Amino acid sequence: MTGRTARILVVDDDPMVAEVVARFLERDGHVVECAGDGAEALERALADPPGLLVLDLALSGAERLCGRLREHDRERGRGPTPVIMLTTLGTEIDRVVGLETGADDYVTKPFSPRELALRVQAVLRRTGAVASLGTGVLADGDLVLDVGAHEVRLAGREIGLTAREFDLLAHLLRNPRQVFSRSALLDQVWGWSFGDSSTVTVHVRRLREKIETDPAEPRRIVTVWGVGYRYEPVG
């Protein structure tokens, strides 16, 4: 497969699962390391942050690992490490929990290792596409998104976004007042030709919580009922 390659940290307490995942990802040219628990993974990730993290959501300390890694990325002035969550049941609540922890994507167990490898490539393509856009700055009043620095500030204060939240906000800022359906956002931001629209819903809610004065009455990311979402400039 052609595409971006990365050093990937796979975190799963089932050695067989970790081995199979590692084998498939290595076939695509990635360098893969495995960790069997959250503490080991956190130590490795902080010492040398991976290019992407594949993490079992059911693992003890999974949420803490994600949160601490995000903090470390911000402290080092780098963009957030992309995270793909492995979830067990595949119900909507499991997917939402995975996304709420800051995951950029999720794959449900049992899963096809080939599917996971394709999801990895999709996430790496998206993060690479944002980086390749150069040092442009997108602004709306006191909301400023710096593509080159991979940084968002609101009223001068830095806002911590996941890689996917950053991509979504950048896409909306580039297309003010244009209405996007959830399926269109899945295609244009996630790179999925099909998928679960709740993924978009969760990310929009998280963005509103971070950039809106009143997330319950959003002024910037507004809902167009029966259609989707639109970014409304306020600056």
Protein backbone atom coordinates (compact mmCIF):
# COMPACT_ATOMS: atom_id res chain seq x y z
CA MET A 1 0.00 0.00 0.00
CA THR A 2 1.19 3.50 -0.78
CA GLY A 3 0.67 6.35 1.65
CA ARG A 4 2.14 7.87 4.77
CA THR A 5 3.96 5.63 7.19
CA ALA A 6 4.47 6.24 10.89
CA ARG A 7 5.77 4.81 14.11
CA ILE A 8 2.69 3.31 15.75
CA LEU A 9 2.17 2.26 19.36
CA VAL A 10 -0.39 -0.55 19.77
CA VAL A 11 -1.79 -0.87 23.30
CA ASP A 12 -3.77 -4.05 24.05
CA ASP A 13 -3.56 -6.53 26.92
CA ASP A 14 -4.25 -9.44 24.55
CA PRO A 15 -0.84 -10.40 23.07
CA MET A 16 -2.49 -12.24 20.17
CA VAL A 17 -4.52 -9.19 19.14
CA ALA A 18 -1.48 -6.93 19.43
CA GLU A 19 0.63 -9.33 17.36
CA VAL A 20 -1.93 -9.60 14.56
CA VAL A 21 -2.41 -5.82 14.44
CA ALA A 22 1.33 -5.23 14.42
CA ARG A 23 1.86 -7.70 11.59
CA PHE A 24 -0.71 -6.04 9.32
CA LEU A 25 0.53 -2.53 10.05
CA GLU A 26 4.15 -3.55 9.44
CA ARG A 27 3.12 -4.86 6.01
CA ASP A 28 2.17 -1.29 5.15
CA GLY A 29 5.63 -0.06 6.10
CA HIS A 30 4.85 1.23 9.59
CA VAL A 31 7.21 0.74 12.51
CA VAL A 32 5.12 -0.85 15.27
CA GLU A 33 5.70 -1.13 19.00
CA CYS A 34 3.35 -2.93 21.40
CA ALA A 35 2.47 -2.32 25.05
CA GLY A 36 0.34 -4.55 27.24
CA ASP A 37 -0.99 -1.98 29.71
CA GLY A 38 -1.68 1.71 30.09
CA ALA A 39 1.23 2.42 32.43
CA GLU A 40 3.81 0.93 30.07
CA ALA A 41 2.22 2.70 27.10
CA LEU A 42 2.21 6.06 28.89
CA GLU A 43 5.89 5.73 29.81
CA ARG A 44 6.82 4.92 26.21
CA ALA A 45 4.58 7.59 24.69
CA LEU A 46 5.91 10.37 26.93
CA ALA A 47 9.54 9.37 26.32
CA ASP A 48 9.09 9.26 22.54
CA PRO A 49 5.60 10.22 21.26
CA PRO A 50 4.40 7.89 18.49
CA GLY A 51 3.03 9.06 15.16
CA LEU A 52 -0.24 7.29 15.93
CA LEU A 53 -1.73 5.34 18.84
CA VAL A 54 -3.96 2.26 18.54
CA LEU A 55 -5.59 1.78 21.95
CA ASP A 56 -8.05 -0.71 23.44
CA LEU A 57 -10.73 1.42 25.11
CA ALA A 58 -11.46 -1.34 27.65
CA LEU A 59 -7.89 -1.22 28.94
CA SER A 60 -7.49 0.17 32.44
CA GLY A 61 -6.10 3.70 32.26
CA ALA A 62 -7.02 4.23 28.59
CA GLU A 63 -8.66 7.61 29.22
CA ARG A 64 -5.79 8.80 31.43
CA LEU A 65 -3.29 7.74 28.76
CA CYS A 66 -5.09 9.79 26.10
CA GLY A 67 -5.43 12.82 28.34
CA ARG A 68 -1.82 12.79 29.48
CA LEU A 69 -0.54 12.32 25.93
CA ARG A 70 -2.62 15.31 24.76
CA GLU A 71 -1.14 17.44 27.55
CA HIS A 72 2.37 16.32 26.63
CA ASP A 73 1.77 17.19 22.96
CA ARG A 74 0.66 20.69 23.94
CA GLU A 75 3.61 21.16 26.28
CA ARG A 76 5.99 20.26 23.45
CA GLY A 77 4.22 22.54 20.99
CA ARG A 78 3.25 19.74 18.64
CA GLY A 79 -0.07 18.75 17.16
CA PRO A 80 -2.12 16.10 18.98
CA THR A 81 -1.11 12.48 18.40
CA PRO A 82 -3.80 10.73 16.34
CA VAL A 83 -5.63 7.97 18.27
CA ILE A 84 -7.64 5.02 16.96
CA MET A 85 -9.70 3.29 19.63
CA LEU A 86 -10.54 -0.41 19.66
CA THR A 87 -13.98 -0.92 21.23
CA THR A 88 -15.56 -4.21 22.24
CA LEU A 89 -19.31 -4.11 21.76
CA GLY A 90 -19.75 -1.67 18.94
CA THR A 91 -22.91 -0.11 20.35
CA GLU A 92 -23.50 3.60 19.93
CA ILE A 93 -22.59 4.32 23.55
CA ASP A 94 -19.24 2.55 23.10
CA ARG A 95 -18.50 4.59 20.00
CA VAL A 96 -19.47 7.82 21.74
CA VAL A 97 -17.31 7.02 24.77
CA GLY A 98 -14.37 6.32 22.47
CA LEU A 99 -14.83 9.61 20.67
CA GLU A 100 -15.34 11.50 23.94
CA THR A 101 -11.89 10.38 25.10
CA GLY A 102 -10.44 12.24 22.13
CA ALA A 103 -10.14 9.40 19.63
CA ASP A 104 -9.93 10.32 15.95
CA ASP A 105 -11.50 7.05 14.85
CA TYR A 106 -12.64 3.73 16.29
CA VAL A 107 -12.81 0.10 15.18
CA THR A 108 -15.07 -2.43 16.90
CA LYS A 109 -13.98 -5.89 18.04
CA PRO A 110 -14.01 -8.39 16.46
CA PHE A 111 -12.49 -6.49 13.57
CA SER A 112 -10.70 -7.14 10.32
CA PRO A 113 -7.00 -6.25 10.64
CA ARG A 114 -7.20 -5.04 7.04
CA GLU A 115 -9.98 -2.64 8.02
CA LEU A 116 -7.87 -1.30 10.86
CA ALA A 117 -4.91 -0.83 8.52
CA LEU A 118 -7.12 1.14 6.13
CA ARG A 119 -8.42 3.30 9.00
CA VAL A 120 -4.83 3.99 10.03
CA GLN A 121 -4.00 5.14 6.51
CA ALA A 122 -7.10 7.37 6.42
CA VAL A 123 -6.19 9.08 9.71
CA LEU A 124 -2.58 9.58 8.62
CA ARG A 125 -3.75 11.04 5.30
CA ARG A 126 -5.97 13.54 7.10
CA THR A 127 -3.31 14.67 9.55
CA GLY A 128 -0.81 14.89 6.69
CA ALA A 129 -3.21 16.91 4.55
CA VAL A 130 -3.64 19.50 7.29
CA ALA A 131 0.12 19.77 7.78
CA SER A 132 0.68 20.24 4.04
CA LEU A 133 -1.59 23.29 3.89
CA GLY A 134 1.25 25.49 5.06
CA THR A 135 1.25 28.31 7.56
CA GLY A 136 -2.15 29.82 6.83
CA VAL A 137 -4.15 31.43 9.61
CA LEU A 138 -7.95 31.23 9.73
CA ALA A 139 -9.69 33.72 12.01
CA ASP A 140 -13.17 34.69 13.12
CA GLY A 141 -13.08 37.48 15.66
CA ASP A 142 -11.29 36.21 18.76
CA LEU A 143 -11.11 32.65 17.37
CA VAL A 144 -7.82 32.04 15.55
CA LEU A 145 -6.72 28.77 13.95
CA ASP A 146 -3.06 28.56 12.89
CA VAL A 147 -2.62 25.69 10.43
CA GLY A 148 1.18 25.72 10.47
CA ALA A 149 1.43 25.71 14.26
CA HIS A 150 -1.58 23.36 14.54
CA GLU A 151 -2.90 25.67 17.23
CA VAL A 152 -6.26 27.22 18.07
CA ARG A 153 -6.72 30.22 20.34
CA LEU A 154 -9.89 31.79 21.68
CA ALA A 155 -9.59 35.26 23.18
CA GLY A 156 -5.84 34.68 23.35
CA ARG A 157 -6.15 31.40 25.25
CA GLU A 158 -4.99 28.19 23.60
CA ILE A 159 -7.76 25.62 23.10
CA GLY A 160 -6.78 21.96 23.17
CA LEU A 161 -8.30 20.09 20.20
CA THR A 162 -7.84 16.56 18.98
CA ALA A 163 -6.47 16.11 15.47
CA ARG A 164 -9.95 15.40 14.12
CA GLU A 165 -11.55 18.34 15.96
CA PHE A 166 -8.86 20.57 14.46
CA ASP A 167 -9.56 19.22 10.96
CA LEU A 168 -13.30 19.74 11.36
CA LEU A 169 -12.97 23.30 12.65
CA ALA A 170 -10.51 24.19 9.88
CA HIS A 171 -12.90 22.82 7.25
CA LEU A 172 -15.82 24.82 8.63
CA LEU A 173 -13.77 28.02 8.91
CA ARG A 174 -12.68 27.69 5.29
CA ASN A 175 -16.30 27.39 4.22
CA PRO A 176 -18.31 29.92 6.27
CA ARG A 177 -22.09 29.92 5.89
CA GLN A 178 -21.98 26.76 3.78
CA VAL A 179 -24.23 23.98 5.01
CA PHE A 180 -22.72 20.49 5.25
CA SER A 181 -24.65 17.31 5.86
CA ARG A 182 -23.15 14.79 8.27
CA SER A 183 -22.38 12.44 5.38
CA ALA A 184 -20.61 15.27 3.52
CA LEU A 185 -18.47 16.01 6.58
CA LEU A 186 -17.64 12.31 6.96
CA ASP A 187 -16.45 12.32 3.36
CA GLN A 188 -14.62 15.65 3.32
CA VAL A 189 -13.09 15.65 6.83
CA TRP A 190 -12.82 11.97 7.74
CA GLY A 191 -12.28 10.68 4.22
CA TRP A 192 -15.00 8.04 4.65
CA SER A 193 -17.38 7.29 1.79
CA PHE A 194 -19.69 5.76 4.39
CA GLY A 195 -19.83 5.63 8.17
CA ASP A 196 -21.73 6.38 11.35
CA SER A 197 -23.07 9.95 11.47
CA SER A 198 -22.85 9.92 15.28
CA THR A 199 -19.11 10.40 14.77
CA VAL A 200 -19.80 13.87 13.36
CA THR A 201 -22.42 14.63 16.01
CA VAL A 202 -19.99 13.89 18.85
CA HIS A 203 -17.20 15.98 17.33
CA VAL A 204 -19.51 18.94 16.72
CA ARG A 205 -20.67 18.76 20.35
CA ARG A 206 -17.10 18.65 21.61
CA LEU A 207 -16.12 21.63 19.44
CA ARG A 208 -19.09 23.63 20.70
CA GLU A 209 -18.07 22.91 24.29
CA LYS A 210 -14.65 24.36 23.54
CA ILE A 211 -15.36 27.39 21.34
CA GLU A 212 -18.94 28.50 22.08
CA THR A 213 -19.85 30.87 24.91
CA ASP A 214 -23.02 28.82 25.45
CA PRO A 215 -22.77 25.36 23.83
CA ALA A 216 -26.52 24.88 24.31
CA GLU A 217 -27.15 27.98 22.17
CA PRO A 218 -24.28 27.90 19.67
CA ARG A 219 -23.58 31.00 17.59
CA ARG A 220 -20.67 29.72 15.51
CA ILE A 221 -21.44 26.09 14.65
CA VAL A 222 -25.16 26.15 14.07
CA THR A 223 -27.51 23.29 13.29
CA VAL A 224 -29.55 23.50 10.11
CA TRP A 225 -32.39 21.16 11.01
CA GLY A 226 -32.92 18.32 8.61
CA VAL A 227 -29.71 19.15 6.74
CA GLY A 228 -26.57 19.39 8.87
CA TYR A 229 -24.26 22.12 10.17
CA ARG A 230 -23.08 25.56 9.11
CA TYR A 231 -20.32 27.82 10.44
CA GLU A 232 -21.64 31.31 11.11
CA PRO A 233 -18.93 33.98 11.56
CA VAL A 234 -19.39 36.20 14.60
CA GLY A 235 -16.28 38.37 14.27
